[in-house]
Amino acid sequence: MYETVVTVVGRLVRDPDVRFLEDGTALCRFTVAATSRVFDRAAGGWRDGETAFVACSAWRAHAENIAESVGRGTRVIVVGELRQRRYTAAEGVARTAWEVRVHEVAPALRWTAAEVSRVGRAGGWGAGARRSVVPPPRTEDAAGDTGTASAASRAPSPVPAPTGGSGESAGDPPF
């Protein structure tokens, strides 16, 4: 088993490509462009450095979830095992390819917002459909325009602190 776990932050070069093997197993492949930022002393500011194009692959339900959730240009954080694959090219030359076998993919939230929904699958992995997602509540401003409520207005209300005794009862969970 490989133990070289890497984290890559960058943008998807194109939409993820999902293929299904003969046995129905989903395989998702995508490429992340990760560009470093370098401080340029001469210019007195930051500039783009080299760009690494990192091939990534995910399997089964994870593959389907990735393909449904992110697309070309999406800034993502990928965590996975760095794998080396050797093969012989069509012209007979031995080649080596590096890819990340994905453990997790998440949208990078520094400059964007995401809405998360749980996946419900009946009968195990890959055997069902995504649960319907309840849209965020609509709001109306003073001008009568409607729009989606802000994240702050959708936040759950705080739970009041318990009163009396140790603050815990026998039926309360320990968290």
N, C-alpha and C. Protein backbone atom coordinates (compact mmCIF):
# COMPACT_ATOMS: atom_id res chain seq x y z
N MET A 1 0.84 -1.18 0.00
CA MET A 1 0.00 0.00 0.00
C MET A 1 0.88 1.24 0.00
N TYR A 2 0.49 2.20 -0.81
CA TYR A 2 1.22 3.46 -0.87
C TYR A 2 0.89 4.29 0.36
N GLU A 3 1.86 5.03 0.83
CA GLU A 3 1.62 5.88 1.99
C GLU A 3 2.02 7.32 1.72
N THR A 4 2.22 7.67 0.47
CA THR A 4 2.58 9.04 0.13
C THR A 4 1.29 9.83 -0.10
N VAL A 5 0.77 10.41 0.99
CA VAL A 5 -0.48 11.17 0.92
C VAL A 5 -0.14 12.62 0.59
N VAL A 6 -0.84 13.16 -0.41
CA VAL A 6 -0.60 14.53 -0.84
C VAL A 6 -1.90 15.33 -0.80
N THR A 7 -1.75 16.64 -0.70
CA THR A 7 -2.88 17.56 -0.80
C THR A 7 -2.59 18.50 -1.96
N VAL A 8 -3.56 18.63 -2.85
CA VAL A 8 -3.41 19.49 -4.02
C VAL A 8 -4.57 20.49 -4.00
N VAL A 9 -4.24 21.77 -4.16
CA VAL A 9 -5.26 22.81 -4.25
C VAL A 9 -5.10 23.47 -5.61
N GLY A 10 -6.18 23.49 -6.38
CA GLY A 10 -6.12 24.09 -7.70
C GLY A 10 -7.48 24.05 -8.38
N ARG A 11 -7.48 24.32 -9.67
CA ARG A 11 -8.73 24.36 -10.44
C ARG A 11 -8.81 23.18 -11.41
N LEU A 12 -10.04 22.67 -11.60
CA LEU A 12 -10.24 21.59 -12.56
C LEU A 12 -10.03 22.13 -13.96
N VAL A 13 -9.24 21.42 -14.74
CA VAL A 13 -8.92 21.82 -16.11
C VAL A 13 -10.14 21.64 -17.02
N ARG A 14 -10.91 20.60 -16.79
CA ARG A 14 -12.13 20.32 -17.56
C ARG A 14 -13.09 19.57 -16.66
N ASP A 15 -14.30 19.36 -17.12
CA ASP A 15 -15.27 18.60 -16.33
C ASP A 15 -14.74 17.20 -16.07
N PRO A 16 -15.04 16.63 -14.89
CA PRO A 16 -14.60 15.26 -14.61
C PRO A 16 -15.18 14.29 -15.64
N ASP A 17 -14.39 13.28 -15.99
CA ASP A 17 -14.80 12.27 -16.95
C ASP A 17 -15.15 11.00 -16.18
N VAL A 18 -16.43 10.60 -16.24
CA VAL A 18 -16.87 9.39 -15.54
C VAL A 18 -17.13 8.31 -16.56
N ARG A 19 -16.56 7.15 -16.31
CA ARG A 19 -16.78 5.98 -17.16
C ARG A 19 -17.19 4.83 -16.26
N PHE A 20 -17.96 3.91 -16.82
CA PHE A 20 -18.39 2.75 -16.07
C PHE A 20 -17.76 1.50 -16.67
N LEU A 21 -17.11 0.73 -15.82
CA LEU A 21 -16.48 -0.51 -16.27
C LEU A 21 -17.57 -1.53 -16.58
N GLU A 22 -17.18 -2.66 -17.17
CA GLU A 22 -18.15 -3.68 -17.55
C GLU A 22 -18.98 -4.17 -16.37
N ASP A 23 -18.38 -4.19 -15.18
CA ASP A 23 -19.12 -4.66 -14.00
C ASP A 23 -19.96 -3.56 -13.35
N GLY A 24 -20.00 -2.36 -13.96
CA GLY A 24 -20.80 -1.26 -13.45
C GLY A 24 -20.08 -0.33 -12.50
N THR A 25 -18.81 -0.59 -12.21
CA THR A 25 -18.04 0.25 -11.30
C THR A 25 -17.72 1.58 -11.98
N ALA A 26 -17.99 2.67 -11.26
CA ALA A 26 -17.73 4.01 -11.80
C ALA A 26 -16.27 4.40 -11.56
N LEU A 27 -15.65 5.00 -12.58
CA LEU A 27 -14.29 5.53 -12.49
C LEU A 27 -14.35 6.98 -12.97
N CYS A 28 -13.89 7.88 -12.12
CA CYS A 28 -13.88 9.31 -12.46
C CYS A 28 -12.43 9.76 -12.56
N ARG A 29 -12.09 10.40 -13.66
CA ARG A 29 -10.75 10.96 -13.84
C ARG A 29 -10.90 12.46 -14.10
N PHE A 30 -9.99 13.22 -13.50
CA PHE A 30 -9.97 14.67 -13.72
C PHE A 30 -8.56 15.18 -13.47
N THR A 31 -8.30 16.38 -13.97
CA THR A 31 -6.98 17.00 -13.81
C THR A 31 -7.14 18.32 -13.07
N VAL A 32 -6.25 18.53 -12.09
CA VAL A 32 -6.24 19.76 -11.31
C VAL A 32 -5.00 20.56 -11.69
N ALA A 33 -5.18 21.83 -12.04
CA ALA A 33 -4.06 22.73 -12.31
C ALA A 33 -3.76 23.50 -11.03
N ALA A 34 -2.58 23.24 -10.46
CA ALA A 34 -2.17 23.88 -9.21
C ALA A 34 -1.04 24.85 -9.52
N THR A 35 -1.29 26.13 -9.32
CA THR A 35 -0.29 27.16 -9.62
C THR A 35 0.23 27.75 -8.33
N SER A 36 1.56 27.72 -8.18
CA SER A 36 2.16 28.30 -6.98
C SER A 36 2.20 29.82 -7.12
N ARG A 37 2.29 30.49 -5.98
CA ARG A 37 2.44 31.95 -5.96
C ARG A 37 3.84 32.24 -5.45
N VAL A 38 4.54 33.14 -6.13
CA VAL A 38 5.94 33.45 -5.81
C VAL A 38 6.07 34.95 -5.59
N PHE A 39 6.80 35.33 -4.54
CA PHE A 39 7.02 36.75 -4.29
C PHE A 39 8.16 37.22 -5.18
N ASP A 40 7.91 38.25 -5.97
CA ASP A 40 8.90 38.82 -6.88
C ASP A 40 9.47 40.07 -6.22
N ARG A 41 10.70 39.96 -5.71
CA ARG A 41 11.30 41.10 -5.00
C ARG A 41 11.51 42.29 -5.92
N ALA A 42 11.89 42.03 -7.16
CA ALA A 42 12.14 43.12 -8.10
C ALA A 42 10.87 43.94 -8.35
N ALA A 43 9.75 43.26 -8.49
CA ALA A 43 8.48 43.94 -8.75
C ALA A 43 7.79 44.35 -7.45
N GLY A 44 8.24 43.77 -6.34
CA GLY A 44 7.64 44.11 -5.05
C GLY A 44 6.25 43.54 -4.85
N GLY A 45 5.96 42.42 -5.49
CA GLY A 45 4.63 41.83 -5.34
C GLY A 45 4.63 40.35 -5.70
N TRP A 46 3.47 39.77 -5.61
CA TRP A 46 3.31 38.34 -5.90
C TRP A 46 2.99 38.14 -7.37
N ARG A 47 3.44 37.01 -7.91
CA ARG A 47 3.13 36.62 -9.29
C ARG A 47 2.90 35.11 -9.33
N ASP A 48 2.30 34.65 -10.41
CA ASP A 48 2.10 33.22 -10.58
C ASP A 48 3.43 32.54 -10.86
N GLY A 49 3.64 31.39 -10.23
CA GLY A 49 4.82 30.59 -10.48
C GLY A 49 4.49 29.48 -11.47
N GLU A 50 5.15 28.36 -11.31
CA GLU A 50 4.92 27.21 -12.19
C GLU A 50 3.55 26.59 -11.92
N THR A 51 2.96 26.01 -12.95
CA THR A 51 1.70 25.29 -12.80
C THR A 51 1.95 23.81 -12.94
N ALA A 52 1.47 23.04 -11.97
CA ALA A 52 1.54 21.58 -12.02
C ALA A 52 0.16 21.06 -12.41
N PHE A 53 0.12 20.18 -13.38
CA PHE A 53 -1.13 19.56 -13.80
C PHE A 53 -1.15 18.16 -13.20
N VAL A 54 -2.07 17.94 -12.24
CA VAL A 54 -2.10 16.71 -11.47
C VAL A 54 -3.29 15.87 -11.89
N ALA A 55 -3.01 14.66 -12.39
CA ALA A 55 -4.06 13.72 -12.77
C ALA A 55 -4.61 13.06 -11.51
N CYS A 56 -5.94 12.94 -11.44
CA CYS A 56 -6.60 12.36 -10.27
C CYS A 56 -7.61 11.32 -10.71
N SER A 57 -7.84 10.31 -9.86
CA SER A 57 -8.85 9.30 -10.15
C SER A 57 -9.58 8.90 -8.87
N ALA A 58 -10.87 8.62 -9.02
CA ALA A 58 -11.71 8.18 -7.90
C ALA A 58 -12.62 7.07 -8.40
N TRP A 59 -13.08 6.23 -7.49
CA TRP A 59 -13.85 5.05 -7.86
C TRP A 59 -15.22 5.01 -7.18
N ARG A 60 -16.11 4.25 -7.77
CA ARG A 60 -17.42 3.90 -7.25
C ARG A 60 -18.29 5.12 -6.97
N ALA A 61 -19.03 5.12 -5.87
CA ALA A 61 -19.96 6.21 -5.56
C ALA A 61 -19.22 7.54 -5.42
N HIS A 62 -17.99 7.47 -4.91
CA HIS A 62 -17.18 8.69 -4.77
C HIS A 62 -16.99 9.34 -6.15
N ALA A 63 -16.74 8.51 -7.15
CA ALA A 63 -16.56 9.01 -8.52
C ALA A 63 -17.81 9.72 -9.01
N GLU A 64 -18.97 9.12 -8.76
CA GLU A 64 -20.23 9.73 -9.20
C GLU A 64 -20.49 11.04 -8.46
N ASN A 65 -20.22 11.07 -7.16
CA ASN A 65 -20.44 12.29 -6.38
C ASN A 65 -19.56 13.43 -6.87
N ILE A 66 -18.31 13.13 -7.18
CA ILE A 66 -17.39 14.15 -7.68
C ILE A 66 -17.91 14.73 -9.00
N ALA A 67 -18.30 13.84 -9.92
CA ALA A 67 -18.78 14.29 -11.23
C ALA A 67 -20.04 15.14 -11.11
N GLU A 68 -20.89 14.85 -10.13
CA GLU A 68 -22.13 15.62 -9.94
C GLU A 68 -21.89 16.93 -9.22
N SER A 69 -20.75 17.07 -8.55
CA SER A 69 -20.55 18.21 -7.65
C SER A 69 -19.61 19.29 -8.16
N VAL A 70 -18.63 18.95 -8.98
CA VAL A 70 -17.65 19.94 -9.42
C VAL A 70 -17.52 19.91 -10.94
N GLY A 71 -17.02 21.00 -11.50
CA GLY A 71 -16.86 21.08 -12.95
C GLY A 71 -15.67 21.93 -13.31
N ARG A 72 -15.47 22.10 -14.61
CA ARG A 72 -14.35 22.88 -15.13
C ARG A 72 -14.27 24.23 -14.43
N GLY A 73 -13.06 24.57 -13.98
CA GLY A 73 -12.83 25.86 -13.34
C GLY A 73 -13.08 25.89 -11.85
N THR A 74 -13.72 24.85 -11.30
CA THR A 74 -13.98 24.82 -9.86
C THR A 74 -12.66 24.69 -9.10
N ARG A 75 -12.48 25.53 -8.10
CA ARG A 75 -11.28 25.44 -7.25
C ARG A 75 -11.56 24.39 -6.20
N VAL A 76 -10.70 23.37 -6.14
CA VAL A 76 -10.91 22.23 -5.25
C VAL A 76 -9.68 21.94 -4.39
N ILE A 77 -9.92 21.20 -3.33
CA ILE A 77 -8.86 20.66 -2.49
C ILE A 77 -8.96 19.15 -2.62
N VAL A 78 -7.89 18.52 -3.07
CA VAL A 78 -7.86 17.07 -3.27
C VAL A 78 -6.84 16.47 -2.32
N VAL A 79 -7.24 15.42 -1.61
CA VAL A 79 -6.33 14.68 -0.75
C VAL A 79 -6.35 13.24 -1.23
N GLY A 80 -5.17 12.65 -1.39
CA GLY A 80 -5.12 11.27 -1.84
C GLY A 80 -3.71 10.73 -1.87
N GLU A 81 -3.59 9.49 -2.34
CA GLU A 81 -2.29 8.82 -2.43
C GLU A 81 -1.65 9.10 -3.78
N LEU A 82 -0.40 9.49 -3.76
CA LEU A 82 0.35 9.70 -4.99
C LEU A 82 0.76 8.32 -5.50
N ARG A 83 0.35 7.99 -6.72
CA ARG A 83 0.60 6.66 -7.29
C ARG A 83 1.42 6.80 -8.57
N GLN A 84 2.27 5.82 -8.80
CA GLN A 84 3.07 5.77 -10.02
C GLN A 84 2.57 4.60 -10.85
N ARG A 85 2.34 4.85 -12.14
CA ARG A 85 1.86 3.80 -13.04
C ARG A 85 2.81 3.71 -14.22
N ARG A 86 3.32 2.53 -14.47
CA ARG A 86 4.21 2.32 -15.62
C ARG A 86 3.43 1.62 -16.72
N TYR A 87 3.68 2.06 -17.95
CA TYR A 87 3.00 1.46 -19.09
C TYR A 87 3.87 1.60 -20.33
N THR A 88 3.50 0.88 -21.38
CA THR A 88 4.21 0.97 -22.65
C THR A 88 3.34 1.74 -23.63
N ALA A 89 3.88 2.82 -24.17
CA ALA A 89 3.14 3.67 -25.11
C ALA A 89 2.98 2.93 -26.44
N ALA A 90 2.12 3.47 -27.30
CA ALA A 90 1.83 2.86 -28.59
C ALA A 90 3.09 2.65 -29.43
N GLU A 91 4.07 3.57 -29.31
CA GLU A 91 5.31 3.44 -30.10
C GLU A 91 6.31 2.50 -29.45
N GLY A 92 5.90 1.80 -28.37
CA GLY A 92 6.77 0.82 -27.72
C GLY A 92 7.71 1.37 -26.67
N VAL A 93 7.56 2.63 -26.31
CA VAL A 93 8.43 3.27 -25.33
C VAL A 93 7.83 3.11 -23.93
N ALA A 94 8.67 2.73 -22.97
CA ALA A 94 8.21 2.62 -21.58
C ALA A 94 8.00 4.02 -21.00
N ARG A 95 6.87 4.21 -20.35
CA ARG A 95 6.54 5.52 -19.78
C ARG A 95 6.09 5.35 -18.33
N THR A 96 6.14 6.46 -17.61
CA THR A 96 5.67 6.50 -16.23
C THR A 96 4.68 7.65 -16.10
N ALA A 97 3.56 7.38 -15.46
CA ALA A 97 2.56 8.41 -15.20
C ALA A 97 2.31 8.48 -13.70
N TRP A 98 2.17 9.70 -13.20
CA TRP A 98 1.86 9.92 -11.79
C TRP A 98 0.43 10.38 -11.69
N GLU A 99 -0.30 9.88 -10.69
CA GLU A 99 -1.66 10.33 -10.45
C GLU A 99 -1.97 10.24 -8.97
N VAL A 100 -3.00 10.96 -8.57
CA VAL A 100 -3.46 10.92 -7.19
C VAL A 100 -4.70 10.04 -7.14
N ARG A 101 -4.64 8.97 -6.34
CA ARG A 101 -5.81 8.14 -6.08
C ARG A 101 -6.58 8.85 -4.96
N VAL A 102 -7.70 9.43 -5.30
CA VAL A 102 -8.41 10.38 -4.45
C VAL A 102 -9.01 9.72 -3.21
N HIS A 103 -8.73 10.34 -2.05
CA HIS A 103 -9.42 9.99 -0.80
C HIS A 103 -10.58 10.95 -0.59
N GLU A 104 -10.33 12.24 -0.79
CA GLU A 104 -11.35 13.28 -0.57
C GLU A 104 -11.21 14.39 -1.59
N VAL A 105 -12.33 14.98 -1.98
CA VAL A 105 -12.36 16.18 -2.82
C VAL A 105 -13.35 17.14 -2.17
N ALA A 106 -12.97 18.40 -2.09
CA ALA A 106 -13.86 19.41 -1.53
C ALA A 106 -13.70 20.70 -2.31
N PRO A 107 -14.78 21.47 -2.44
CA PRO A 107 -14.61 22.78 -3.06
C PRO A 107 -13.81 23.67 -2.12
N ALA A 108 -12.90 24.45 -2.69
CA ALA A 108 -12.14 25.41 -1.89
C ALA A 108 -13.06 26.60 -1.62
N LEU A 109 -13.21 26.96 -0.37
CA LEU A 109 -14.20 27.96 0.01
C LEU A 109 -13.64 29.34 0.28
N ARG A 110 -12.40 29.60 -0.10
CA ARG A 110 -11.82 30.91 0.14
C ARG A 110 -12.54 32.00 -0.66
N TRP A 111 -12.87 31.74 -1.92
CA TRP A 111 -13.50 32.75 -2.76
C TRP A 111 -14.85 32.32 -3.30
N THR A 112 -15.45 31.32 -2.70
CA THR A 112 -16.75 30.85 -3.17
C THR A 112 -17.52 30.24 -2.01
N ALA A 113 -18.79 29.96 -2.22
CA ALA A 113 -19.61 29.29 -1.21
C ALA A 113 -20.18 28.03 -1.85
N ALA A 114 -20.44 27.04 -1.04
CA ALA A 114 -20.99 25.78 -1.55
C ALA A 114 -22.15 25.35 -0.67
N GLU A 115 -23.09 24.64 -1.25
CA GLU A 115 -24.19 24.07 -0.49
C GLU A 115 -24.00 22.56 -0.48
N VAL A 116 -24.03 21.98 0.69
CA VAL A 116 -23.75 20.55 0.85
C VAL A 116 -25.06 19.79 1.01
N SER A 117 -25.16 18.65 0.35
CA SER A 117 -26.32 17.78 0.53
C SER A 117 -25.84 16.35 0.70
N ARG A 118 -26.51 15.62 1.55
CA ARG A 118 -26.14 14.22 1.79
C ARG A 118 -26.66 13.37 0.64
N VAL A 119 -25.97 12.28 0.40
CA VAL A 119 -26.36 11.36 -0.65
C VAL A 119 -27.07 10.19 -0.01
N GLY A 120 -28.24 9.87 -0.49
CA GLY A 120 -28.97 8.69 0.00
C GLY A 120 -28.95 7.63 -1.08
N ARG A 121 -28.40 6.51 -0.75
CA ARG A 121 -28.33 5.42 -1.72
C ARG A 121 -28.96 4.19 -1.10
N ALA A 122 -29.97 3.65 -1.75
CA ALA A 122 -30.63 2.45 -1.26
C ALA A 122 -29.83 1.22 -1.67
N GLY A 123 -29.68 0.29 -0.78
CA GLY A 123 -29.03 -0.97 -1.13
C GLY A 123 -27.53 -0.88 -1.23
N GLY A 124 -26.91 0.11 -0.64
CA GLY A 124 -25.44 0.17 -0.64
C GLY A 124 -24.91 1.17 -1.64
N TRP A 125 -23.62 1.17 -1.81
CA TRP A 125 -22.94 2.13 -2.66
C TRP A 125 -23.40 2.04 -4.10
N GLY A 126 -23.71 3.17 -4.66
CA GLY A 126 -24.00 3.26 -6.08
C GLY A 126 -25.32 2.66 -6.50
N ALA A 127 -26.19 2.28 -5.57
CA ALA A 127 -27.40 1.57 -5.94
C ALA A 127 -28.65 2.44 -5.90
N GLY A 128 -28.52 3.72 -5.64
CA GLY A 128 -29.71 4.54 -5.51
C GLY A 128 -29.55 5.89 -6.16
N ALA A 129 -30.41 6.79 -5.78
CA ALA A 129 -30.37 8.14 -6.34
C ALA A 129 -30.12 9.15 -5.25
N ARG A 130 -29.67 10.30 -5.65
CA ARG A 130 -29.40 11.39 -4.72
C ARG A 130 -30.72 11.85 -4.10
N ARG A 131 -30.70 12.10 -2.79
CA ARG A 131 -31.88 12.65 -2.13
C ARG A 131 -32.16 14.03 -2.68
N SER A 132 -33.41 14.41 -2.67
CA SER A 132 -33.71 15.75 -3.16
C SER A 132 -33.13 16.77 -2.19
N VAL A 133 -32.68 17.86 -2.74
CA VAL A 133 -32.08 18.92 -1.94
C VAL A 133 -33.14 19.99 -1.71
N VAL A 134 -33.35 20.36 -0.47
CA VAL A 134 -34.31 21.41 -0.15
C VAL A 134 -33.65 22.74 -0.46
N PRO A 135 -34.25 23.57 -1.33
CA PRO A 135 -33.63 24.85 -1.65
C PRO A 135 -33.63 25.77 -0.43
N PRO A 136 -32.67 26.71 -0.38
CA PRO A 136 -32.64 27.63 0.74
C PRO A 136 -33.89 28.50 0.74
N PRO A 137 -34.30 28.98 1.92
CA PRO A 137 -35.51 29.80 2.00
C PRO A 137 -35.37 31.08 1.19
N ARG A 138 -36.48 31.54 0.64
CA ARG A 138 -36.50 32.79 -0.13
C ARG A 138 -36.79 33.94 0.82
N THR A 139 -36.22 35.08 0.53
CA THR A 139 -36.44 36.26 1.35
C THR A 139 -36.96 37.38 0.47
N GLU A 140 -37.52 38.39 1.09
CA GLU A 140 -37.98 39.56 0.35
C GLU A 140 -37.41 40.79 1.02
N ASP A 141 -36.75 41.63 0.22
CA ASP A 141 -36.17 42.84 0.81
C ASP A 141 -37.20 43.97 0.79
N ALA A 142 -36.80 45.15 1.27
CA ALA A 142 -37.71 46.29 1.38
C ALA A 142 -38.29 46.69 0.03
N ALA A 143 -37.55 46.47 -1.06
CA ALA A 143 -38.02 46.85 -2.39
C ALA A 143 -38.97 45.80 -2.96
N GLY A 144 -39.17 44.69 -2.24
CA GLY A 144 -40.05 43.64 -2.74
C GLY A 144 -39.35 42.61 -3.58
N ASP A 145 -38.02 42.74 -3.77
CA ASP A 145 -37.28 41.76 -4.53
C ASP A 145 -37.10 40.50 -3.70
N THR A 146 -37.21 39.36 -4.35
CA THR A 146 -36.99 38.11 -3.63
C THR A 146 -35.62 37.58 -3.98
N GLY A 147 -35.06 36.85 -3.08
CA GLY A 147 -33.75 36.26 -3.30
C GLY A 147 -33.51 35.16 -2.30
N THR A 148 -32.38 34.53 -2.42
CA THR A 148 -32.03 33.46 -1.50
C THR A 148 -31.54 34.07 -0.21
N ALA A 149 -31.94 33.51 0.90
CA ALA A 149 -31.51 34.01 2.20
C ALA A 149 -30.01 33.83 2.35
N SER A 150 -29.38 34.76 3.04
CA SER A 150 -27.95 34.66 3.26
C SER A 150 -27.64 33.50 4.19
N ALA A 151 -26.39 33.07 4.17
CA ALA A 151 -25.97 31.97 5.03
C ALA A 151 -26.21 32.32 6.49
N ALA A 152 -26.01 33.58 6.86
CA ALA A 152 -26.20 33.99 8.25
C ALA A 152 -27.66 33.84 8.66
N SER A 153 -28.59 34.16 7.75
CA SER A 153 -30.00 34.06 8.12
C SER A 153 -30.48 32.62 8.15
N ARG A 154 -29.75 31.70 7.50
CA ARG A 154 -30.12 30.28 7.51
C ARG A 154 -29.46 29.53 8.65
N ALA A 155 -28.55 30.18 9.37
CA ALA A 155 -27.83 29.51 10.44
C ALA A 155 -28.80 29.09 11.53
N PRO A 156 -28.55 27.92 12.16
CA PRO A 156 -29.44 27.48 13.22
C PRO A 156 -29.36 28.42 14.42
N SER A 157 -30.47 28.54 15.16
CA SER A 157 -30.44 29.38 16.35
C SER A 157 -29.64 28.70 17.44
N PRO A 158 -29.00 29.51 18.28
CA PRO A 158 -28.21 28.93 19.35
C PRO A 158 -29.10 28.18 20.34
N VAL A 159 -28.56 27.12 20.91
CA VAL A 159 -29.28 26.33 21.90
C VAL A 159 -28.96 26.91 23.27
N PRO A 160 -29.98 27.19 24.10
CA PRO A 160 -29.69 27.75 25.42
C PRO A 160 -28.93 26.76 26.28
N ALA A 161 -28.09 27.31 27.16
CA ALA A 161 -27.30 26.47 28.07
C ALA A 161 -28.23 25.79 29.06
N PRO A 162 -27.89 24.55 29.45
CA PRO A 162 -28.72 23.85 30.43
C PRO A 162 -28.67 24.57 31.77
N THR A 163 -29.73 24.45 32.53
CA THR A 163 -29.78 25.12 33.83
C THR A 163 -29.80 24.10 34.95
N GLY A 164 -29.14 24.45 36.04
CA GLY A 164 -29.17 23.62 37.25
C GLY A 164 -28.30 22.39 37.14
N GLY A 165 -27.86 21.88 38.29
CA GLY A 165 -27.09 20.65 38.36
C GLY A 165 -25.79 20.75 37.60
N SER A 166 -25.34 19.62 37.09
CA SER A 166 -24.07 19.57 36.37
C SER A 166 -24.22 20.01 34.93
N GLY A 167 -25.47 20.22 34.49
CA GLY A 167 -25.68 20.64 33.12
C GLY A 167 -25.87 19.47 32.18
N GLU A 168 -25.77 18.26 32.70
CA GLU A 168 -25.95 17.08 31.87
C GLU A 168 -27.01 16.19 32.49
N SER A 169 -27.78 15.54 31.67
CA SER A 169 -28.72 14.55 32.19
C SER A 169 -28.31 13.20 31.65
N ALA A 170 -28.84 12.15 32.24
CA ALA A 170 -28.44 10.79 31.87
C ALA A 170 -28.75 10.49 30.41
N GLY A 171 -29.78 11.14 29.83
CA GLY A 171 -30.15 10.85 28.46
C GLY A 171 -29.42 11.68 27.42
N ASP A 172 -28.62 12.67 27.84
CA ASP A 172 -27.92 13.53 26.89
C ASP A 172 -26.70 12.85 26.32
N PRO A 173 -26.42 13.05 25.02
CA PRO A 173 -25.18 12.51 24.45
C PRO A 173 -23.98 13.26 25.02
N PRO A 174 -22.80 12.66 25.02
CA PRO A 174 -21.62 13.28 25.63
C PRO A 174 -20.97 14.35 24.78
N PHE A 175 -21.65 14.92 23.81
CA PHE A 175 -21.05 15.97 22.98
C PHE A 175 -21.97 17.12 22.80
